[in-house]
Amino acid sequence: MGQLHHFTYGAITPIFAFAMSFLGSLLGLVSTARARVATDNRRRAWLLVLAAWSIGGTGIWVMHFMAMVGFSVQDSPLRFDVPITVASFFIAVVTVGIGLFIVGMGERRLWKVFVGGPITGVSVAFMHYTGMAAMNVDGSFEYRPALYIASYAIAIVAATVALWFTVVVRGMVATTAAATLMGVAVCAMHYTGMYSMEFHLQHSGANVPGVDVNWFLAPIVLFVLVVVIALASAVMAVPSEREQAEAEAVREKIAQGRVIRENNTPVFGGGPIGDGLPASGPAGSLPQRSKAAQAFGGRADARRDRGR
């Protein structure tokens, strides 16, 4: 049985893996929160797609391969099949997107969380093992059943909690706490699945097909940058729930001011404009002068006549 090393470079790879999972989860939750309050279905769908790319692509897939940078097998090269690796990426994005659309479109219902959560969780764990199936070594792998099942259970619970957060979480502090919990859960699922592995070395001496895991680093960095820029642009373009509430309050105040002006009622106390007299001429013209104003004008005319 070959020896597996999960932390070849020490703590740096799990730290970076958690950072990617946290970043993807945070951006995805923020985008989902904006989608939740969006009134346009097209805009809501677009924000949910971006959230799926963020959570599934960065929070799960990028986290997986950042952790795999620190994984090695003693006495055997480690290579990855590119088509299967790319397929694992789309599995992560599409399945997370299915869960987000179940929860995020239409009216918010708790039953949607308990439908979309297990679907997404099983699919996320499937993405992990698809990524592992892309790995080629001079030997063979098998999984210990107890830890294998535990990794699926962690993925299902994590996905269900994540989708629940998309429904109830409000505010940046709560969103950050939710993203931290999601990052921990995704990393726990990954390393539980990794510890369930057993490797049997063959010493065949044959060339192991595929590419080194470091080959994915440049595409990963580029992908993360694109996701961050796209989500930042989308979030800036769509108001948050608090911003929409503040804008609605301002619109109500403006509407109330228009009603007051139309009724000829002053905004800051006092009686009606024109002492309650009806306006002269057509609607919207200046009100007639009060009796006191007319009397004052008459006295002024008399003084001008005497001065002549």
C-alpha atoms as a PDB file:
ATOM      1  CA  MET A   1       0.000   0.000   0.000  1.00  0.00           C
ATOM      2  CA  GLY A   2       1.426   3.380  -1.042  1.00  0.00           C
ATOM      3  CA  GLN A   3       1.703   6.303   1.339  1.00  0.00           C
ATOM      4  CA  LEU A   4      -0.380   9.428   0.712  1.00  0.00           C
ATOM      5  CA  HIS A   5       0.642  12.948   1.726  1.00  0.00           C
ATOM      6  CA  HIS A   6      -2.185  15.449   2.064  1.00  0.00           C
ATOM      7  CA  PHE A   7      -0.058  18.414   3.208  1.00  0.00           C
ATOM      8  CA  THR A   8       3.114  18.165   1.151  1.00  0.00           C
ATOM      9  CA  TYR A   9       3.810  21.905   1.476  1.00  0.00           C
ATOM     10  CA  GLY A  10       2.565  22.249   5.034  1.00  0.00           C
ATOM     11  CA  ALA A  11      -0.319  24.492   6.037  1.00  0.00           C
ATOM     12  CA  ILE A  12      -0.128  26.815   3.026  1.00  0.00           C
ATOM     13  CA  THR A  13      -2.310  24.706   0.708  1.00  0.00           C
ATOM     14  CA  PRO A  14      -5.205  24.148   3.161  1.00  0.00           C
ATOM     15  CA  ILE A  15      -5.110  27.858   4.078  1.00  0.00           C
ATOM     16  CA  PHE A  16      -5.313  28.898   0.429  1.00  0.00           C
ATOM     17  CA  ALA A  17      -7.994  26.274  -0.191  1.00  0.00           C
ATOM     18  CA  PHE A  18     -10.123  27.669   2.621  1.00  0.00           C
ATOM     19  CA  ALA A  19      -9.513  31.234   1.384  1.00  0.00           C
ATOM     20  CA  MET A  20     -10.819  30.288  -2.083  1.00  0.00           C
ATOM     21  CA  SER A  21     -13.833  28.523  -0.596  1.00  0.00           C
ATOM     22  CA  PHE A  22     -14.594  31.493   1.645  1.00  0.00           C
ATOM     23  CA  LEU A  23     -14.190  34.015  -1.206  1.00  0.00           C
ATOM     24  CA  GLY A  24     -16.397  32.050  -3.582  1.00  0.00           C
ATOM     25  CA  SER A  25     -19.057  31.518  -0.918  1.00  0.00           C
ATOM     26  CA  LEU A  26     -19.024  35.190   0.111  1.00  0.00           C
ATOM     27  CA  LEU A  27     -19.372  36.518  -3.436  1.00  0.00           C
ATOM     28  CA  GLY A  28     -22.018  33.920  -4.215  1.00  0.00           C
ATOM     29  CA  LEU A  29     -24.092  34.781  -1.146  1.00  0.00           C
ATOM     30  CA  VAL A  30     -23.879  38.509  -1.890  1.00  0.00           C
ATOM     31  CA  SER A  31     -24.965  37.903  -5.483  1.00  0.00           C
ATOM     32  CA  THR A  32     -27.809  35.639  -4.325  1.00  0.00           C
ATOM     33  CA  ALA A  33     -28.969  38.294  -1.847  1.00  0.00           C
ATOM     34  CA  ARG A  34     -29.139  40.846  -4.682  1.00  0.00           C
ATOM     35  CA  ALA A  35     -31.024  38.332  -6.834  1.00  0.00           C
ATOM     36  CA  ARG A  36     -33.518  37.763  -4.031  1.00  0.00           C
ATOM     37  CA  VAL A  37     -34.674  41.400  -4.065  1.00  0.00           C
ATOM     38  CA  ALA A  38     -34.430  41.922  -7.828  1.00  0.00           C
ATOM     39  CA  THR A  39     -37.809  42.671  -9.413  1.00  0.00           C
ATOM     40  CA  ASP A  40     -36.754  41.753 -12.957  1.00  0.00           C
ATOM     41  CA  ASN A  41     -36.696  37.978 -13.550  1.00  0.00           C
ATOM     42  CA  ARG A  42     -33.971  38.297 -16.198  1.00  0.00           C
ATOM     43  CA  ARG A  43     -31.732  40.199 -13.808  1.00  0.00           C
ATOM     44  CA  ARG A  44     -32.490  37.716 -11.031  1.00  0.00           C
ATOM     45  CA  ALA A  45     -31.580  34.776 -13.274  1.00  0.00           C
ATOM     46  CA  TRP A  46     -28.333  36.471 -14.346  1.00  0.00           C
ATOM     47  CA  LEU A  47     -27.336  37.097 -10.720  1.00  0.00           C
ATOM     48  CA  LEU A  48     -28.072  33.471  -9.814  1.00  0.00           C
ATOM     49  CA  VAL A  49     -25.892  32.287 -12.699  1.00  0.00           C
ATOM     50  CA  LEU A  50     -23.051  34.457 -11.389  1.00  0.00           C
ATOM     51  CA  ALA A  51     -23.635  33.073  -7.896  1.00  0.00           C
ATOM     52  CA  ALA A  52     -23.383  29.518  -9.241  1.00  0.00           C
ATOM     53  CA  TRP A  53     -20.092  30.355 -10.959  1.00  0.00           C
ATOM     54  CA  SER A  54     -18.827  31.862  -7.741  1.00  0.00           C
ATOM     55  CA  ILE A  55     -19.898  29.144  -5.285  1.00  0.00           C
ATOM     56  CA  GLY A  56     -19.536  26.155  -7.609  1.00  0.00           C
ATOM     57  CA  GLY A  57     -16.513  27.386  -9.558  1.00  0.00           C
ATOM     58  CA  THR A  58     -14.480  29.244  -6.943  1.00  0.00           C
ATOM     59  CA  GLY A  59     -15.892  28.034  -3.632  1.00  0.00           C
ATOM     60  CA  ILE A  60     -15.813  24.331  -4.535  1.00  0.00           C
ATOM     61  CA  TRP A  61     -13.844  23.522  -7.700  1.00  0.00           C
ATOM     62  CA  VAL A  62     -10.984  26.009  -7.209  1.00  0.00           C
ATOM     63  CA  MET A  63     -10.825  25.046  -3.528  1.00  0.00           C
ATOM     64  CA  HIS A  64     -10.535  21.376  -4.541  1.00  0.00           C
ATOM     65  CA  PHE A  65      -7.553  21.911  -6.825  1.00  0.00           C
ATOM     66  CA  MET A  66      -5.819  24.328  -4.481  1.00  0.00           C
ATOM     67  CA  ALA A  67      -5.948  21.548  -1.885  1.00  0.00           C
ATOM     68  CA  MET A  68      -4.749  19.015  -4.476  1.00  0.00           C
ATOM     69  CA  VAL A  69      -1.579  21.072  -4.996  1.00  0.00           C
ATOM     70  CA  GLY A  70      -0.517  19.809  -1.565  1.00  0.00           C
ATOM     71  CA  PHE A  71      -1.463  16.188  -2.295  1.00  0.00           C
ATOM     72  CA  SER A  72       1.195  13.684  -3.370  1.00  0.00           C
ATOM     73  CA  VAL A  73       1.739   9.935  -3.558  1.00  0.00           C
ATOM     74  CA  GLN A  74       5.002   8.414  -2.430  1.00  0.00           C
ATOM     75  CA  ASP A  75       6.987   6.628  -5.165  1.00  0.00           C
ATOM     76  CA  SER A  76       4.489   7.551  -7.900  1.00  0.00           C
ATOM     77  CA  PRO A  77       3.973  10.540 -10.210  1.00  0.00           C
ATOM     78  CA  LEU A  78       0.606  12.279 -10.017  1.00  0.00           C
ATOM     79  CA  ARG A  79      -1.102  13.481 -13.194  1.00  0.00           C
ATOM     80  CA  PHE A  80      -4.569  14.754 -14.096  1.00  0.00           C
ATOM     81  CA  ASP A  81      -6.728  14.030 -17.124  1.00  0.00           C
ATOM     82  CA  VAL A  82      -7.735  17.428 -18.546  1.00  0.00           C
ATOM     83  CA  PRO A  83     -11.184  16.556 -20.056  1.00  0.00           C
ATOM     84  CA  ILE A  84     -12.381  14.882 -16.853  1.00  0.00           C
ATOM     85  CA  THR A  85     -11.044  17.775 -14.785  1.00  0.00           C
ATOM     86  CA  VAL A  86     -12.947  20.279 -16.950  1.00  0.00           C
ATOM     87  CA  ALA A  87     -16.063  18.100 -16.649  1.00  0.00           C
ATOM     88  CA  SER A  88     -15.776  18.245 -12.852  1.00  0.00           C
ATOM     89  CA  PHE A  89     -15.797  22.048 -13.078  1.00  0.00           C
ATOM     90  CA  PHE A  90     -19.059  22.131 -15.028  1.00  0.00           C
ATOM     91  CA  ILE A  91     -20.586  19.569 -12.663  1.00  0.00           C
ATOM     92  CA  ALA A  92     -19.858  21.907  -9.743  1.00  0.00           C
ATOM     93  CA  VAL A  93     -21.234  25.027 -11.454  1.00  0.00           C
ATOM     94  CA  VAL A  94     -24.335  23.444 -13.011  1.00  0.00           C
ATOM     95  CA  THR A  95     -25.422  21.496  -9.928  1.00  0.00           C
ATOM     96  CA  VAL A  96     -24.964  24.462  -7.588  1.00  0.00           C
ATOM     97  CA  GLY A  97     -26.891  26.541 -10.117  1.00  0.00           C
ATOM     98  CA  ILE A  98     -29.776  24.038 -10.031  1.00  0.00           C
ATOM     99  CA  GLY A  99     -29.984  24.385  -6.260  1.00  0.00           C
ATOM    100  CA  LEU A 100     -29.814  28.187  -6.399  1.00  0.00           C
ATOM    101  CA  PHE A 101     -32.530  28.407  -9.067  1.00  0.00           C
ATOM    102  CA  ILE A 102     -34.813  26.089  -7.077  1.00  0.00           C
ATOM    103  CA  VAL A 103     -34.490  28.340  -4.045  1.00  0.00           C
ATOM    104  CA  GLY A 104     -34.012  31.750  -5.688  1.00  0.00           C
ATOM    105  CA  MET A 105     -36.723  31.832  -8.366  1.00  0.00           C
ATOM    106  CA  GLY A 106     -40.361  32.409  -7.515  1.00  0.00           C
ATOM    107  CA  GLU A 107     -41.672  32.754  -3.990  1.00  0.00           C
ATOM    108  CA  ARG A 108     -39.396  31.818  -1.116  1.00  0.00           C
ATOM    109  CA  ARG A 109     -40.462  28.533   0.473  1.00  0.00           C
ATOM    110  CA  LEU A 110     -38.717  26.361   3.063  1.00  0.00           C
ATOM    111  CA  TRP A 111     -39.492  23.164   1.176  1.00  0.00           C
ATOM    112  CA  LYS A 112     -37.355  24.424  -1.716  1.00  0.00           C
ATOM    113  CA  VAL A 113     -34.307  24.398   0.578  1.00  0.00           C
ATOM    114  CA  PHE A 114     -34.904  20.751   1.529  1.00  0.00           C
ATOM    115  CA  VAL A 115     -35.284  19.797  -2.141  1.00  0.00           C
ATOM    116  CA  GLY A 116     -32.412  21.824  -3.589  1.00  0.00           C
ATOM    117  CA  GLY A 117     -30.016  21.147  -0.682  1.00  0.00           C
ATOM    118  CA  PRO A 118     -29.690  17.347  -1.053  1.00  0.00           C
ATOM    119  CA  ILE A 119     -29.581  17.635  -4.860  1.00  0.00           C
ATOM    120  CA  THR A 120     -26.756  20.148  -4.660  1.00  0.00           C
ATOM    121  CA  GLY A 121     -24.935  18.283  -1.865  1.00  0.00           C
ATOM    122  CA  VAL A 122     -24.897  14.952  -3.692  1.00  0.00           C
ATOM    123  CA  SER A 123     -23.756  16.708  -6.850  1.00  0.00           C
ATOM    124  CA  VAL A 124     -20.961  18.576  -5.043  1.00  0.00           C
ATOM    125  CA  ALA A 125     -19.611  15.336  -3.582  1.00  0.00           C
ATOM    126  CA  PHE A 126     -19.933  13.775  -7.030  1.00  0.00           C
ATOM    127  CA  MET A 127     -17.850  16.660  -8.386  1.00  0.00           C
ATOM    128  CA  HIS A 128     -15.170  15.876  -5.809  1.00  0.00           C
ATOM    129  CA  TYR A 129     -14.974  12.222  -6.789  1.00  0.00           C
ATOM    130  CA  THR A 130     -15.101  13.124 -10.484  1.00  0.00           C
ATOM    131  CA  GLY A 131     -12.062  15.315  -9.849  1.00  0.00           C
ATOM    132  CA  MET A 132     -10.403  12.387  -8.113  1.00  0.00           C
ATOM    133  CA  ALA A 133     -11.274  10.115 -11.046  1.00  0.00           C
ATOM    134  CA  ALA A 134      -9.264  12.514 -13.229  1.00  0.00           C
ATOM    135  CA  MET A 135      -6.147  11.670 -11.207  1.00  0.00           C
ATOM    136  CA  ASN A 136      -3.736   9.162 -12.744  1.00  0.00           C
ATOM    137  CA  VAL A 137      -1.026   7.356 -10.707  1.00  0.00           C
ATOM    138  CA  ASP A 138       1.121   4.266 -10.978  1.00  0.00           C
ATOM    139  CA  GLY A 139      -1.357   2.162  -9.080  1.00  0.00           C
ATOM    140  CA  SER A 140      -5.029   2.200  -8.035  1.00  0.00           C
ATOM    141  CA  PHE A 141      -7.262   3.866  -5.442  1.00  0.00           C
ATOM    142  CA  GLU A 142     -10.129   2.621  -3.352  1.00  0.00           C
ATOM    143  CA  TYR A 143     -12.273   4.334  -0.714  1.00  0.00           C
ATOM    144  CA  ARG A 144     -13.119   3.279   2.841  1.00  0.00           C
ATOM    145  CA  PRO A 145     -16.944   3.089   2.933  1.00  0.00           C
ATOM    146  CA  ALA A 146     -17.510   4.866   6.270  1.00  0.00           C
ATOM    147  CA  LEU A 147     -15.539   8.001   5.374  1.00  0.00           C
ATOM    148  CA  TYR A 148     -16.822   7.899   1.810  1.00  0.00           C
ATOM    149  CA  ILE A 149     -20.437   8.058   3.048  1.00  0.00           C
ATOM    150  CA  ALA A 150     -19.482  10.678   5.635  1.00  0.00           C
ATOM    151  CA  SER A 151     -18.142  12.959   2.907  1.00  0.00           C
ATOM    152  CA  TYR A 152     -21.496  12.782   1.103  1.00  0.00           C
ATOM    153  CA  ALA A 153     -23.332  13.515   4.356  1.00  0.00           C
ATOM    154  CA  ILE A 154     -21.143  16.565   4.997  1.00  0.00           C
ATOM    155  CA  ALA A 155     -21.740  17.790   1.438  1.00  0.00           C
ATOM    156  CA  ILE A 156     -25.531  17.412   1.758  1.00  0.00           C
ATOM    157  CA  VAL A 157     -25.670  19.205   5.118  1.00  0.00           C
ATOM    158  CA  ALA A 158     -23.327  21.962   3.894  1.00  0.00           C
ATOM    159  CA  ALA A 159     -25.313  22.523   0.699  1.00  0.00           C
ATOM    160  CA  THR A 160     -28.648  22.583   2.544  1.00  0.00           C
ATOM    161  CA  VAL A 161     -27.331  25.068   5.099  1.00  0.00           C
ATOM    162  CA  ALA A 162     -25.838  27.179   2.299  1.00  0.00           C
ATOM    163  CA  LEU A 163     -29.157  27.351   0.445  1.00  0.00           C
ATOM    164  CA  TRP A 164     -30.961  28.125   3.699  1.00  0.00           C
ATOM    165  CA  PHE A 165     -28.565  31.030   4.203  1.00  0.00           C
ATOM    166  CA  THR A 166     -29.470  32.355   0.757  1.00  0.00           C
ATOM    167  CA  VAL A 167     -33.080  32.634   1.947  1.00  0.00           C
ATOM    168  CA  VAL A 168     -32.666  34.091   5.444  1.00  0.00           C
ATOM    169  CA  VAL A 169     -29.270  35.833   5.626  1.00  0.00           C
ATOM    170  CA  ARG A 170     -29.378  39.633   5.641  1.00  0.00           C
ATOM    171  CA  GLY A 171     -26.589  42.085   6.344  1.00  0.00           C
ATOM    172  CA  MET A 172     -22.869  41.921   5.659  1.00  0.00           C
ATOM    173  CA  VAL A 173     -21.921  40.555   9.083  1.00  0.00           C
ATOM    174  CA  ALA A 174     -24.338  37.626   8.785  1.00  0.00           C
ATOM    175  CA  THR A 175     -23.286  37.013   5.180  1.00  0.00           C
ATOM    176  CA  THR A 176     -19.604  36.900   6.172  1.00  0.00           C
ATOM    177  CA  ALA A 177     -20.367  34.453   8.983  1.00  0.00           C
ATOM    178  CA  ALA A 178     -22.356  32.279   6.563  1.00  0.00           C
ATOM    179  CA  ALA A 179     -19.500  32.306   4.026  1.00  0.00           C
ATOM    180  CA  THR A 180     -17.047  31.281   6.762  1.00  0.00           C
ATOM    181  CA  LEU A 181     -19.262  28.356   7.754  1.00  0.00           C
ATOM    182  CA  MET A 182     -19.627  27.298   4.129  1.00  0.00           C
ATOM    183  CA  GLY A 183     -15.853  27.473   3.606  1.00  0.00           C
ATOM    184  CA  VAL A 184     -15.221  25.256   6.620  1.00  0.00           C
ATOM    185  CA  ALA A 185     -17.883  22.771   5.496  1.00  0.00           C
ATOM    186  CA  VAL A 186     -16.565  22.487   1.931  1.00  0.00           C
ATOM    187  CA  CYS A 187     -13.001  21.955   3.177  1.00  0.00           C
ATOM    188  CA  ALA A 188     -14.243  19.356   5.689  1.00  0.00           C
ATOM    189  CA  MET A 189     -16.031  17.493   2.891  1.00  0.00           C
ATOM    190  CA  HIS A 190     -12.906  17.549   0.729  1.00  0.00           C
ATOM    191  CA  TYR A 191     -10.456  16.303   3.334  1.00  0.00           C
ATOM    192  CA  THR A 192     -12.896  13.678   4.624  1.00  0.00           C
ATOM    193  CA  GLY A 193     -13.099  12.298   1.101  1.00  0.00           C
ATOM    194  CA  MET A 194      -9.318  12.436   0.769  1.00  0.00           C
ATOM    195  CA  TYR A 195      -8.778  10.554   4.034  1.00  0.00           C
ATOM    196  CA  SER A 196     -11.134   7.825   2.845  1.00  0.00           C
ATOM    197  CA  MET A 197      -8.650   6.929   0.091  1.00  0.00           C
ATOM    198  CA  GLU A 198      -6.344   3.923   0.074  1.00  0.00           C
ATOM    199  CA  PHE A 199      -3.643   3.636  -2.598  1.00  0.00           C
ATOM    200  CA  HIS A 200      -2.137   0.442  -3.975  1.00  0.00           C
ATOM    201  CA  LEU A 201       1.222   0.985  -5.722  1.00  0.00           C
ATOM    202  CA  GLN A 202       2.023  -1.142  -8.785  1.00  0.00           C
ATOM    203  CA  HIS A 203       5.641  -0.163  -9.675  1.00  0.00           C
ATOM    204  CA  SER A 204       4.862  -0.828 -13.329  1.00  0.00           C
ATOM    205  CA  GLY A 205       7.359   1.755 -14.551  1.00  0.00           C
ATOM    206  CA  ALA A 206       4.941   2.919 -17.266  1.00  0.00           C
ATOM    207  CA  ASN A 207       4.491   6.590 -18.074  1.00  0.00           C
ATOM    208  CA  VAL A 208       1.526   8.090 -16.228  1.00  0.00           C
ATOM    209  CA  PRO A 209      -0.658  10.106 -18.661  1.00  0.00           C
ATOM    210  CA  GLY A 210      -2.019  13.566 -17.939  1.00  0.00           C
ATOM    211  CA  VAL A 211      -0.693  16.924 -16.724  1.00  0.00           C
ATOM    212  CA  ASP A 212       0.745  18.048 -13.413  1.00  0.00           C
ATOM    213  CA  VAL A 213      -1.649  19.793 -11.000  1.00  0.00           C
ATOM    214  CA  ASN A 214       0.450  22.974 -11.188  1.00  0.00           C
ATOM    215  CA  TRP A 215      -0.647  23.244 -14.823  1.00  0.00           C
ATOM    216  CA  PHE A 216      -4.045  24.388 -13.502  1.00  0.00           C
ATOM    217  CA  LEU A 217      -2.702  27.223 -11.358  1.00  0.00           C
ATOM    218  CA  ALA A 218      -2.658  29.897 -14.084  1.00  0.00           C
ATOM    219  CA  PRO A 219      -6.219  29.118 -15.299  1.00  0.00           C
ATOM    220  CA  ILE A 220      -7.394  29.053 -11.671  1.00  0.00           C
ATOM    221  CA  VAL A 221      -5.957  32.514 -10.931  1.00  0.00           C
ATOM    222  CA  LEU A 222      -7.450  33.913 -14.156  1.00  0.00           C
ATOM    223  CA  PHE A 223     -10.831  32.371 -13.411  1.00  0.00           C
ATOM    224  CA  VAL A 224     -10.923  33.785  -9.876  1.00  0.00           C
ATOM    225  CA  LEU A 225     -10.096  37.273 -11.170  1.00  0.00           C
ATOM    226  CA  VAL A 226     -12.846  37.093 -13.803  1.00  0.00           C
ATOM    227  CA  VAL A 227     -15.392  35.933 -11.221  1.00  0.00           C
ATOM    228  CA  VAL A 228     -14.453  38.690  -8.772  1.00  0.00           C
ATOM    229  CA  ILE A 229     -14.641  41.430 -11.429  1.00  0.00           C
ATOM    230  CA  ALA A 230     -17.928  40.142 -12.882  1.00  0.00           C
ATOM    231  CA  LEU A 231     -19.584  39.807  -9.498  1.00  0.00           C
ATOM    232  CA  ALA A 232     -18.315  43.166  -8.289  1.00  0.00           C
ATOM    233  CA  SER A 233     -19.763  44.814 -11.407  1.00  0.00           C
ATOM    234  CA  ALA A 234     -23.083  43.015 -10.995  1.00  0.00           C
ATOM    235  CA  VAL A 235     -23.363  43.815  -7.307  1.00  0.00           C
ATOM    236  CA  MET A 236     -22.618  47.501  -7.926  1.00  0.00           C
ATOM    237  CA  ALA A 237     -25.252  47.634 -10.655  1.00  0.00           C
ATOM    238  CA  VAL A 238     -28.028  46.076  -8.551  1.00  0.00           C
ATOM    239  CA  PRO A 239     -29.180  47.767  -5.320  1.00  0.00           C
ATOM    240  CA  SER A 240     -29.265  45.773  -2.113  1.00  0.00           C
ATOM    241  CA  GLU A 241     -32.408  45.132  -0.102  1.00  0.00           C
ATOM    242  CA  ARG A 242     -31.541  47.986   2.274  1.00  0.00           C
ATOM    243  CA  GLU A 243     -30.812  50.382  -0.600  1.00  0.00           C
ATOM    244  CA  GLN A 244     -34.112  49.484  -2.249  1.00  0.00           C
ATOM    245  CA  ALA A 245     -35.991  50.095   1.024  1.00  0.00           C
ATOM    246  CA  GLU A 246     -34.313  53.497   1.420  1.00  0.00           C
ATOM    247  CA  ALA A 247     -35.131  54.415  -2.191  1.00  0.00           C
ATOM    248  CA  GLU A 248     -38.761  53.368  -1.672  1.00  0.00           C
ATOM    249  CA  ALA A 249     -38.970  55.542   1.466  1.00  0.00           C
ATOM    250  CA  VAL A 250     -37.651  58.526  -0.511  1.00  0.00           C
ATOM    251  CA  ARG A 251     -40.187  57.919  -3.283  1.00  0.00           C
ATOM    252  CA  GLU A 252     -43.010  57.810  -0.718  1.00  0.00           C
ATOM    253  CA  LYS A 253     -41.888  61.138   0.782  1.00  0.00           C
ATOM    254  CA  ILE A 254     -41.762  62.714  -2.687  1.00  0.00           C
ATOM    255  CA  ALA A 255     -45.253  61.392  -3.457  1.00  0.00           C
ATOM    256  CA  GLN A 256     -46.577  62.796  -0.173  1.00  0.00           C
ATOM    257  CA  GLY A 257     -45.034  66.185  -0.992  1.00  0.00           C
ATOM    258  CA  ARG A 258     -46.810  66.225  -4.345  1.00  0.00           C
ATOM    259  CA  VAL A 259     -50.137  65.479  -2.705  1.00  0.00           C
ATOM    260  CA  ILE A 260     -49.595  68.328  -0.211  1.00  0.00           C
ATOM    261  CA  ARG A 261     -48.783  70.792  -2.999  1.00  0.00           C
ATOM    262  CA  GLU A 262     -51.787  69.724  -5.046  1.00  0.00           C
ATOM    263  CA  ASN A 263     -54.046  70.344  -2.027  1.00  0.00           C
ATOM    264  CA  ASN A 264     -52.457  73.822  -1.507  1.00  0.00           C
ATOM    265  CA  THR A 265     -51.358  72.815   1.973  1.00  0.00           C
ATOM    266  CA  PRO A 266     -48.010  74.163   3.213  1.00  0.00           C
ATOM    267  CA  VAL A 267     -45.397  71.625   4.194  1.00  0.00           C
ATOM    268  CA  PHE A 268     -44.245  73.366   7.395  1.00  0.00           C
ATOM    269  CA  GLY A 269     -47.365  74.241   9.418  1.00  0.00           C
ATOM    270  CA  GLY A 270     -49.680  77.252   9.025  1.00  0.00           C
ATOM    271  CA  GLY A 271     -53.011  77.474   7.305  1.00  0.00           C
ATOM    272  CA  PRO A 272     -53.855  76.846   3.684  1.00  0.00           C
ATOM    273  CA  ILE A 273     -52.184  78.971   1.064  1.00  0.00           C
ATOM    274  CA  GLY A 274     -54.331  81.987   0.174  1.00  0.00           C
ATOM    275  CA  ASP A 275     -56.247  81.825   3.539  1.00  0.00           C
ATOM    276  CA  GLY A 276     -58.430  79.103   2.174  1.00  0.00           C
ATOM    277  CA  LEU A 277     -59.763  81.179  -0.728  1.00  0.00           C
ATOM    278  CA  PRO A 278     -60.215  79.399  -4.022  1.00  0.00           C
ATOM    279  CA  ALA A 279     -57.667  80.047  -6.734  1.00  0.00           C
ATOM    280  CA  SER A 280     -58.541  82.617  -9.349  1.00  0.00           C
ATOM    281  CA  GLY A 281     -58.568  81.602 -12.920  1.00  0.00           C
ATOM    282  CA  PRO A 282     -57.770  78.094 -14.134  1.00  0.00           C
ATOM    283  CA  ALA A 283     -56.380  75.298 -11.965  1.00  0.00           C
ATOM    284  CA  GLY A 284     -52.787  75.782 -10.923  1.00  0.00           C
ATOM    285  CA  SER A 285     -52.911  79.664 -11.059  1.00  0.00           C
ATOM    286  CA  LEU A 286     -51.838  81.804  -8.094  1.00  0.00           C
ATOM    287  CA  PRO A 287     -54.461  82.084  -5.302  1.00  0.00           C
ATOM    288  CA  GLN A 288     -56.433  85.329  -4.831  1.00  0.00           C
ATOM    289  CA  ARG A 289     -55.137  87.887  -2.391  1.00  0.00           C
ATOM    290  CA  SER A 290     -56.630  87.861   1.073  1.00  0.00           C
ATOM    291  CA  LYS A 291     -58.829  90.743   2.290  1.00  0.00           C
ATOM    292  CA  ALA A 292     -55.976  92.128   4.429  1.00  0.00           C
ATOM    293  CA  ALA A 293     -53.687  92.190   1.405  1.00  0.00           C
ATOM    294  CA  GLN A 294     -56.358  93.970  -0.653  1.00  0.00           C
ATOM    295  CA  ALA A 295     -56.836  96.606   2.062  1.00  0.00           C
ATOM    296  CA  PHE A 296     -53.096  97.184   2.341  1.00  0.00           C
ATOM    297  CA  GLY A 297     -52.890  97.632  -1.416  1.00  0.00           C
ATOM    298  CA  GLY A 298     -55.746 100.183  -1.340  1.00  0.00           C
ATOM    299  CA  ARG A 299     -53.992 102.320   1.291  1.00  0.00           C
ATOM    300  CA  ALA A 300     -50.790 102.284  -0.725  1.00  0.00           C
ATOM    301  CA  ASP A 301     -52.678 103.514  -3.813  1.00  0.00           C
ATOM    302  CA  ALA A 302     -54.227 106.370  -1.799  1.00  0.00           C
ATOM    303  CA  ARG A 303     -50.822 107.550  -0.547  1.00  0.00           C
ATOM    304  CA  ARG A 304     -49.483 107.599  -4.101  1.00  0.00           C
ATOM    305  CA  ASP A 305     -52.470 109.707  -5.230  1.00  0.00           C
ATOM    306  CA  ARG A 306     -51.900 112.312  -2.433  1.00  0.00           C
ATOM    307  CA  GLY A 307     -48.201 112.517  -3.347  1.00  0.00           C
ATOM    308  CA  ARG A 308     -49.139 113.634  -6.803  1.00  0.00           C
END
